[in-house]
């Protein structure tokens, strides 16, 4: 992996971890900074969400009591110039899932374009 690839993957990892931070999730504006307008998600619940519906559920409620999401096995690959694919395992409130996301480089930085979570034991 080249230095540029390593930097691209690290930038995507940083963005992914910010999106999992309860303090960031409490702010629709901060979440919006990290999502592409064309964002699509297939969540562990089986629901399909776009950027607007994700923003509808962020910023609602007190996140101070929210337990942190446990993240392990994070890895990334540059698929094409400006496009990073991340995979990781998450645990939150007893629910576990494999997660996959695509991050694109835009004029305002790296933003998530696609996310999918697959529940697992």
N, C-alpha and C. Protein backbone atom coordinates (compact mmCIF):
# COMPACT_ATOMS: atom_id res chain seq x y z
N UNK A 1 0.86 -1.17 0.00
CA UNK A 1 0.00 0.00 0.00
C UNK A 1 0.91 1.24 0.00
N UNK A 2 0.58 2.19 -0.83
CA UNK A 2 1.37 3.42 -0.90
C UNK A 2 1.05 4.33 0.28
N UNK A 3 1.89 5.31 0.49
CA UNK A 3 1.66 6.29 1.56
C UNK A 3 0.33 7.00 1.32
N UNK A 4 0.05 7.35 0.07
CA UNK A 4 -1.22 8.02 -0.26
C UNK A 4 -2.41 7.12 0.07
N UNK A 5 -2.29 5.82 -0.25
CA UNK A 5 -3.36 4.88 0.07
C UNK A 5 -3.56 4.77 1.58
N UNK A 6 -2.46 4.69 2.32
CA UNK A 6 -2.56 4.62 3.78
C UNK A 6 -3.23 5.86 4.35
N UNK A 7 -2.90 7.03 3.81
CA UNK A 7 -3.52 8.27 4.28
C UNK A 7 -5.01 8.30 3.94
N UNK A 8 -5.37 7.82 2.76
CA UNK A 8 -6.78 7.78 2.36
C UNK A 8 -7.58 6.85 3.26
N UNK A 9 -7.03 5.67 3.54
CA UNK A 9 -7.70 4.72 4.42
C UNK A 9 -7.84 5.31 5.82
N UNK A 10 -6.78 5.94 6.32
CA UNK A 10 -6.84 6.52 7.67
C UNK A 10 -7.89 7.63 7.74
N UNK A 11 -7.99 8.43 6.70
CA UNK A 11 -9.00 9.50 6.68
C UNK A 11 -10.40 8.90 6.72
N UNK A 12 -10.62 7.81 6.00
CA UNK A 12 -11.93 7.15 6.02
C UNK A 12 -12.20 6.53 7.39
N UNK A 13 -11.20 5.90 7.99
CA UNK A 13 -11.35 5.34 9.34
C UNK A 13 -11.71 6.45 10.32
N UNK A 14 -11.02 7.57 10.24
CA UNK A 14 -11.32 8.69 11.13
C UNK A 14 -12.77 9.15 10.97
N UNK A 15 -13.25 9.24 9.74
CA UNK A 15 -14.63 9.62 9.48
C UNK A 15 -15.61 8.61 10.03
N UNK A 16 -15.32 7.33 9.82
CA UNK A 16 -16.19 6.26 10.32
C UNK A 16 -16.30 6.34 11.84
N UNK A 17 -15.18 6.50 12.51
CA UNK A 17 -15.19 6.58 13.97
C UNK A 17 -15.91 7.83 14.46
N UNK A 18 -15.80 8.92 13.74
CA UNK A 18 -16.55 10.13 14.11
C UNK A 18 -18.05 9.86 14.02
N UNK A 19 -18.48 9.17 12.96
CA UNK A 19 -19.91 8.88 12.82
C UNK A 19 -20.44 7.98 13.93
N UNK A 20 -19.57 7.20 14.55
CA UNK A 20 -19.99 6.32 15.65
C UNK A 20 -19.95 7.01 17.00
N UNK A 21 -19.39 8.19 17.06
CA UNK A 21 -19.28 8.95 18.30
C UNK A 21 -20.65 9.52 18.68
N UNK A 22 -21.15 9.22 19.88
CA UNK A 22 -22.47 9.74 20.28
C UNK A 22 -22.56 11.26 20.21
N UNK A 23 -21.47 11.96 20.51
CA UNK A 23 -21.48 13.42 20.44
C UNK A 23 -21.67 13.93 19.02
N UNK A 24 -21.10 13.23 18.04
CA UNK A 24 -21.30 13.61 16.64
C UNK A 24 -22.71 13.24 16.21
N UNK A 25 -23.15 12.05 16.58
CA UNK A 25 -24.50 11.59 16.19
C UNK A 25 -25.60 12.48 16.77
N UNK A 26 -25.30 13.20 17.84
CA UNK A 26 -26.29 14.09 18.45
C UNK A 26 -26.51 15.34 17.61
N UNK A 27 -25.64 15.59 16.66
CA UNK A 27 -25.73 16.80 15.85
C UNK A 27 -25.98 16.45 14.38
N UNK A 28 -27.18 16.75 13.90
CA UNK A 28 -27.49 16.49 12.49
C UNK A 28 -26.51 17.20 11.57
N UNK A 29 -26.08 18.40 11.96
CA UNK A 29 -25.15 19.16 11.12
C UNK A 29 -23.80 18.45 11.02
N UNK A 30 -23.32 17.90 12.13
CA UNK A 30 -22.03 17.20 12.11
C UNK A 30 -22.12 15.90 11.33
N UNK A 31 -23.25 15.20 11.43
CA UNK A 31 -23.44 13.98 10.65
C UNK A 31 -23.50 14.32 9.17
N UNK A 32 -24.23 15.37 8.83
CA UNK A 32 -24.39 15.79 7.43
C UNK A 32 -23.04 16.09 6.78
N UNK A 33 -22.10 16.64 7.56
CA UNK A 33 -20.76 16.92 7.04
C UNK A 33 -20.03 15.66 6.60
N UNK A 34 -20.43 14.51 7.14
CA UNK A 34 -19.74 13.26 6.86
C UNK A 34 -20.46 12.36 5.86
N UNK A 35 -21.67 12.74 5.46
CA UNK A 35 -22.45 11.93 4.51
C UNK A 35 -22.57 12.63 3.17
N UNK A 36 -22.45 11.85 2.10
CA UNK A 36 -22.73 12.35 0.76
C UNK A 36 -24.22 12.63 0.65
N UNK A 37 -24.63 13.63 -0.13
CA UNK A 37 -26.06 13.86 -0.33
C UNK A 37 -26.76 12.63 -0.91
N UNK A 38 -26.04 11.81 -1.69
CA UNK A 38 -26.61 10.61 -2.31
C UNK A 38 -26.48 9.37 -1.42
N UNK A 39 -26.09 9.56 -0.16
CA UNK A 39 -25.85 8.46 0.76
C UNK A 39 -27.02 7.49 0.81
N UNK A 40 -26.68 6.17 0.89
CA UNK A 40 -27.66 5.10 1.07
C UNK A 40 -27.10 4.12 2.10
N UNK A 41 -27.99 3.64 2.96
CA UNK A 41 -27.61 2.67 3.98
C UNK A 41 -28.63 1.55 4.01
N UNK A 42 -28.11 0.32 4.13
CA UNK A 42 -28.93 -0.84 4.46
C UNK A 42 -28.49 -1.25 5.86
N UNK A 43 -29.30 -0.90 6.86
CA UNK A 43 -28.92 -1.09 8.25
C UNK A 43 -29.11 -2.50 8.73
N UNK A 44 -28.58 -2.77 9.92
CA UNK A 44 -28.71 -4.09 10.54
C UNK A 44 -30.18 -4.43 10.78
N UNK A 45 -31.02 -3.40 10.86
CA UNK A 45 -32.46 -3.61 11.05
C UNK A 45 -33.14 -4.09 9.77
N UNK A 46 -32.43 -3.99 8.65
CA UNK A 46 -33.02 -4.31 7.37
C UNK A 46 -33.62 -3.11 6.67
N UNK A 47 -33.61 -1.96 7.34
CA UNK A 47 -34.17 -0.75 6.75
C UNK A 47 -33.20 -0.11 5.76
N UNK A 48 -33.78 0.48 4.74
CA UNK A 48 -33.01 1.29 3.79
C UNK A 48 -33.19 2.74 4.19
N UNK A 49 -32.07 3.45 4.31
CA UNK A 49 -32.14 4.87 4.66
C UNK A 49 -31.31 5.67 3.68
N UNK A 50 -31.74 6.91 3.48
CA UNK A 50 -30.94 7.85 2.71
C UNK A 50 -30.43 8.91 3.68
N UNK A 51 -29.70 9.88 3.17
CA UNK A 51 -29.11 10.91 4.04
C UNK A 51 -30.19 11.62 4.85
N UNK A 52 -31.30 11.94 4.23
CA UNK A 52 -32.37 12.66 4.94
C UNK A 52 -32.95 11.86 6.08
N UNK A 53 -33.22 10.57 5.86
CA UNK A 53 -33.81 9.77 6.93
C UNK A 53 -32.81 9.49 8.05
N UNK A 54 -31.52 9.41 7.73
CA UNK A 54 -30.51 9.27 8.77
C UNK A 54 -30.47 10.54 9.61
N UNK A 55 -30.53 11.69 8.95
CA UNK A 55 -30.50 12.95 9.68
C UNK A 55 -31.73 13.13 10.56
N UNK A 56 -32.85 12.54 10.15
CA UNK A 56 -34.06 12.61 10.96
C UNK A 56 -33.88 11.92 12.31
N UNK A 57 -33.07 10.86 12.36
CA UNK A 57 -32.90 10.13 13.62
C UNK A 57 -31.68 10.59 14.41
N UNK A 58 -30.85 11.46 13.83
CA UNK A 58 -29.73 12.01 14.59
C UNK A 58 -30.19 13.28 15.27
N UNK A 59 -29.52 13.62 16.32
CA UNK A 59 -29.84 14.86 17.02
C UNK A 59 -31.11 14.78 17.85
N UNK A 60 -31.70 13.59 17.94
CA UNK A 60 -32.92 13.47 18.74
C UNK A 60 -32.61 12.66 19.99
N UNK A 61 -32.77 13.28 21.12
CA UNK A 61 -32.58 12.57 22.39
C UNK A 61 -31.24 12.85 23.03
N UNK A 62 -31.13 12.42 24.28
CA UNK A 62 -29.93 12.62 25.08
C UNK A 62 -28.96 11.48 24.79
N UNK A 63 -27.78 11.83 24.30
CA UNK A 63 -26.79 10.81 23.96
C UNK A 63 -25.77 10.62 25.08
N UNK A 64 -25.87 11.39 26.16
CA UNK A 64 -24.88 11.28 27.22
C UNK A 64 -24.90 9.90 27.87
N UNK A 65 -26.05 9.24 27.89
CA UNK A 65 -26.16 7.91 28.48
C UNK A 65 -25.96 6.80 27.45
N UNK A 66 -25.75 7.15 26.22
CA UNK A 66 -25.59 6.18 25.14
C UNK A 66 -24.27 5.42 25.31
N UNK A 67 -24.31 4.08 25.36
CA UNK A 67 -23.04 3.34 25.47
C UNK A 67 -22.26 3.45 24.16
N UNK A 68 -20.94 3.41 24.25
CA UNK A 68 -20.15 3.52 23.03
C UNK A 68 -20.30 2.26 22.16
N UNK A 69 -20.12 2.44 20.87
CA UNK A 69 -20.09 1.33 19.93
C UNK A 69 -18.70 0.72 20.00
N UNK A 70 -18.63 -0.59 20.17
CA UNK A 70 -17.34 -1.27 20.17
C UNK A 70 -16.98 -1.62 18.72
N UNK A 71 -15.79 -1.22 18.31
CA UNK A 71 -15.34 -1.44 16.94
C UNK A 71 -14.07 -2.28 16.97
N UNK A 72 -14.07 -3.36 16.20
CA UNK A 72 -12.88 -4.20 16.06
C UNK A 72 -12.71 -4.58 14.60
N UNK A 73 -11.55 -5.11 14.30
CA UNK A 73 -11.22 -5.65 12.97
C UNK A 73 -11.44 -4.66 11.84
N UNK A 74 -11.14 -3.39 12.08
CA UNK A 74 -11.28 -2.35 11.05
C UNK A 74 -10.16 -2.53 10.02
N UNK A 75 -10.54 -2.57 8.76
CA UNK A 75 -9.56 -2.61 7.68
C UNK A 75 -10.11 -1.83 6.50
N UNK A 76 -9.21 -1.37 5.67
CA UNK A 76 -9.62 -0.57 4.53
C UNK A 76 -8.78 -0.84 3.30
N UNK A 77 -9.38 -0.57 2.15
CA UNK A 77 -8.73 -0.76 0.87
C UNK A 77 -9.12 0.39 -0.04
N UNK A 78 -8.15 0.90 -0.77
CA UNK A 78 -8.45 1.91 -1.79
C UNK A 78 -8.91 1.15 -3.03
N UNK A 79 -10.14 1.41 -3.47
CA UNK A 79 -10.70 0.72 -4.63
C UNK A 79 -10.36 1.44 -5.93
N UNK A 80 -10.29 2.73 -5.87
CA UNK A 80 -10.00 3.58 -7.03
C UNK A 80 -9.56 4.93 -6.48
N UNK A 81 -8.96 5.78 -7.29
CA UNK A 81 -8.57 7.09 -6.76
C UNK A 81 -9.77 7.79 -6.11
N UNK A 82 -9.61 8.15 -4.84
CA UNK A 82 -10.66 8.86 -4.13
C UNK A 82 -11.74 7.99 -3.51
N UNK A 83 -11.65 6.65 -3.63
CA UNK A 83 -12.69 5.76 -3.10
C UNK A 83 -12.05 4.72 -2.17
N UNK A 84 -12.53 4.70 -0.91
CA UNK A 84 -12.03 3.76 0.09
C UNK A 84 -13.17 2.88 0.56
N UNK A 85 -12.90 1.58 0.66
CA UNK A 85 -13.86 0.62 1.20
C UNK A 85 -13.37 0.21 2.59
N UNK A 86 -14.22 0.38 3.61
CA UNK A 86 -13.91 -0.03 4.97
C UNK A 86 -14.79 -1.19 5.37
N UNK A 87 -14.23 -2.07 6.20
CA UNK A 87 -14.97 -3.18 6.80
C UNK A 87 -14.59 -3.22 8.27
N UNK A 88 -15.58 -3.42 9.13
CA UNK A 88 -15.29 -3.62 10.55
C UNK A 88 -16.42 -4.39 11.22
N UNK A 89 -16.13 -4.84 12.42
CA UNK A 89 -17.10 -5.56 13.25
C UNK A 89 -17.52 -4.61 14.37
N UNK A 90 -18.81 -4.55 14.66
CA UNK A 90 -19.29 -3.66 15.71
C UNK A 90 -20.15 -4.41 16.70
N UNK A 91 -20.15 -3.90 17.92
CA UNK A 91 -21.02 -4.39 18.96
C UNK A 91 -21.63 -3.21 19.68
N UNK A 92 -22.94 -3.25 19.88
CA UNK A 92 -23.63 -2.15 20.55
C UNK A 92 -24.92 -2.66 21.17
N UNK A 93 -25.03 -2.49 22.48
CA UNK A 93 -26.24 -2.93 23.20
C UNK A 93 -26.58 -4.39 22.93
N UNK A 94 -25.56 -5.23 22.87
CA UNK A 94 -25.77 -6.66 22.66
C UNK A 94 -25.96 -7.07 21.21
N UNK A 95 -26.04 -6.11 20.31
CA UNK A 95 -26.19 -6.42 18.88
C UNK A 95 -24.82 -6.36 18.22
N UNK A 96 -24.53 -7.37 17.39
CA UNK A 96 -23.25 -7.44 16.70
C UNK A 96 -23.51 -7.45 15.20
N UNK A 97 -22.61 -6.82 14.46
CA UNK A 97 -22.78 -6.74 13.01
C UNK A 97 -21.44 -6.56 12.32
N UNK A 98 -21.36 -7.11 11.12
CA UNK A 98 -20.28 -6.76 10.20
C UNK A 98 -20.75 -5.53 9.45
N UNK A 99 -19.86 -4.58 9.28
CA UNK A 99 -20.22 -3.32 8.62
C UNK A 99 -19.27 -3.05 7.47
N UNK A 100 -19.83 -2.51 6.42
CA UNK A 100 -19.07 -2.18 5.21
C UNK A 100 -19.49 -0.79 4.76
N UNK A 101 -18.52 0.03 4.41
CA UNK A 101 -18.86 1.37 3.95
C UNK A 101 -17.92 1.82 2.84
N UNK A 102 -18.44 2.70 2.00
CA UNK A 102 -17.65 3.32 0.94
C UNK A 102 -17.52 4.80 1.23
N UNK A 103 -16.30 5.29 1.17
CA UNK A 103 -15.98 6.70 1.42
C UNK A 103 -15.40 7.30 0.16
N UNK A 104 -15.92 8.47 -0.23
CA UNK A 104 -15.41 9.17 -1.42
C UNK A 104 -14.77 10.48 -1.02
N UNK A 105 -13.72 10.83 -1.76
CA UNK A 105 -13.08 12.11 -1.56
C UNK A 105 -13.86 13.16 -2.33
N UNK A 106 -14.27 14.22 -1.63
CA UNK A 106 -15.03 15.30 -2.26
C UNK A 106 -14.27 16.60 -2.07
N UNK A 107 -14.80 17.67 -2.56
CA UNK A 107 -14.19 18.98 -2.38
C UNK A 107 -14.17 19.43 -0.93
N UNK A 108 -14.97 18.79 -0.08
CA UNK A 108 -15.01 19.14 1.34
C UNK A 108 -14.44 18.04 2.23
N UNK A 109 -13.73 17.09 1.65
CA UNK A 109 -13.13 16.01 2.43
C UNK A 109 -13.77 14.67 2.12
N UNK A 110 -13.44 13.68 2.92
CA UNK A 110 -13.99 12.33 2.73
C UNK A 110 -15.40 12.28 3.31
N UNK A 111 -16.28 11.68 2.53
CA UNK A 111 -17.68 11.54 2.97
C UNK A 111 -18.17 10.14 2.65
N UNK A 112 -19.02 9.62 3.53
CA UNK A 112 -19.57 8.28 3.34
C UNK A 112 -20.64 8.31 2.25
N UNK A 113 -20.49 7.41 1.30
CA UNK A 113 -21.43 7.30 0.18
C UNK A 113 -22.40 6.14 0.39
N UNK A 114 -21.92 5.05 1.01
CA UNK A 114 -22.73 3.85 1.17
C UNK A 114 -22.34 3.14 2.45
N UNK A 115 -23.33 2.54 3.12
CA UNK A 115 -23.07 1.74 4.32
C UNK A 115 -24.02 0.56 4.36
N UNK A 116 -23.49 -0.60 4.77
CA UNK A 116 -24.34 -1.77 4.97
C UNK A 116 -23.90 -2.48 6.25
N UNK A 117 -24.88 -2.90 7.05
CA UNK A 117 -24.62 -3.66 8.26
C UNK A 117 -25.31 -5.01 8.14
N UNK A 118 -24.58 -6.07 8.47
CA UNK A 118 -25.13 -7.41 8.43
C UNK A 118 -25.05 -8.00 9.83
N UNK A 119 -26.20 -8.23 10.46
CA UNK A 119 -26.19 -8.78 11.82
C UNK A 119 -25.51 -10.14 11.86
N UNK A 120 -24.86 -10.41 12.99
CA UNK A 120 -24.18 -11.69 13.19
C UNK A 120 -24.18 -12.03 14.67
N UNK A 121 -23.83 -13.26 14.99
CA UNK A 121 -23.73 -13.68 16.40
C UNK A 121 -22.35 -13.43 16.93
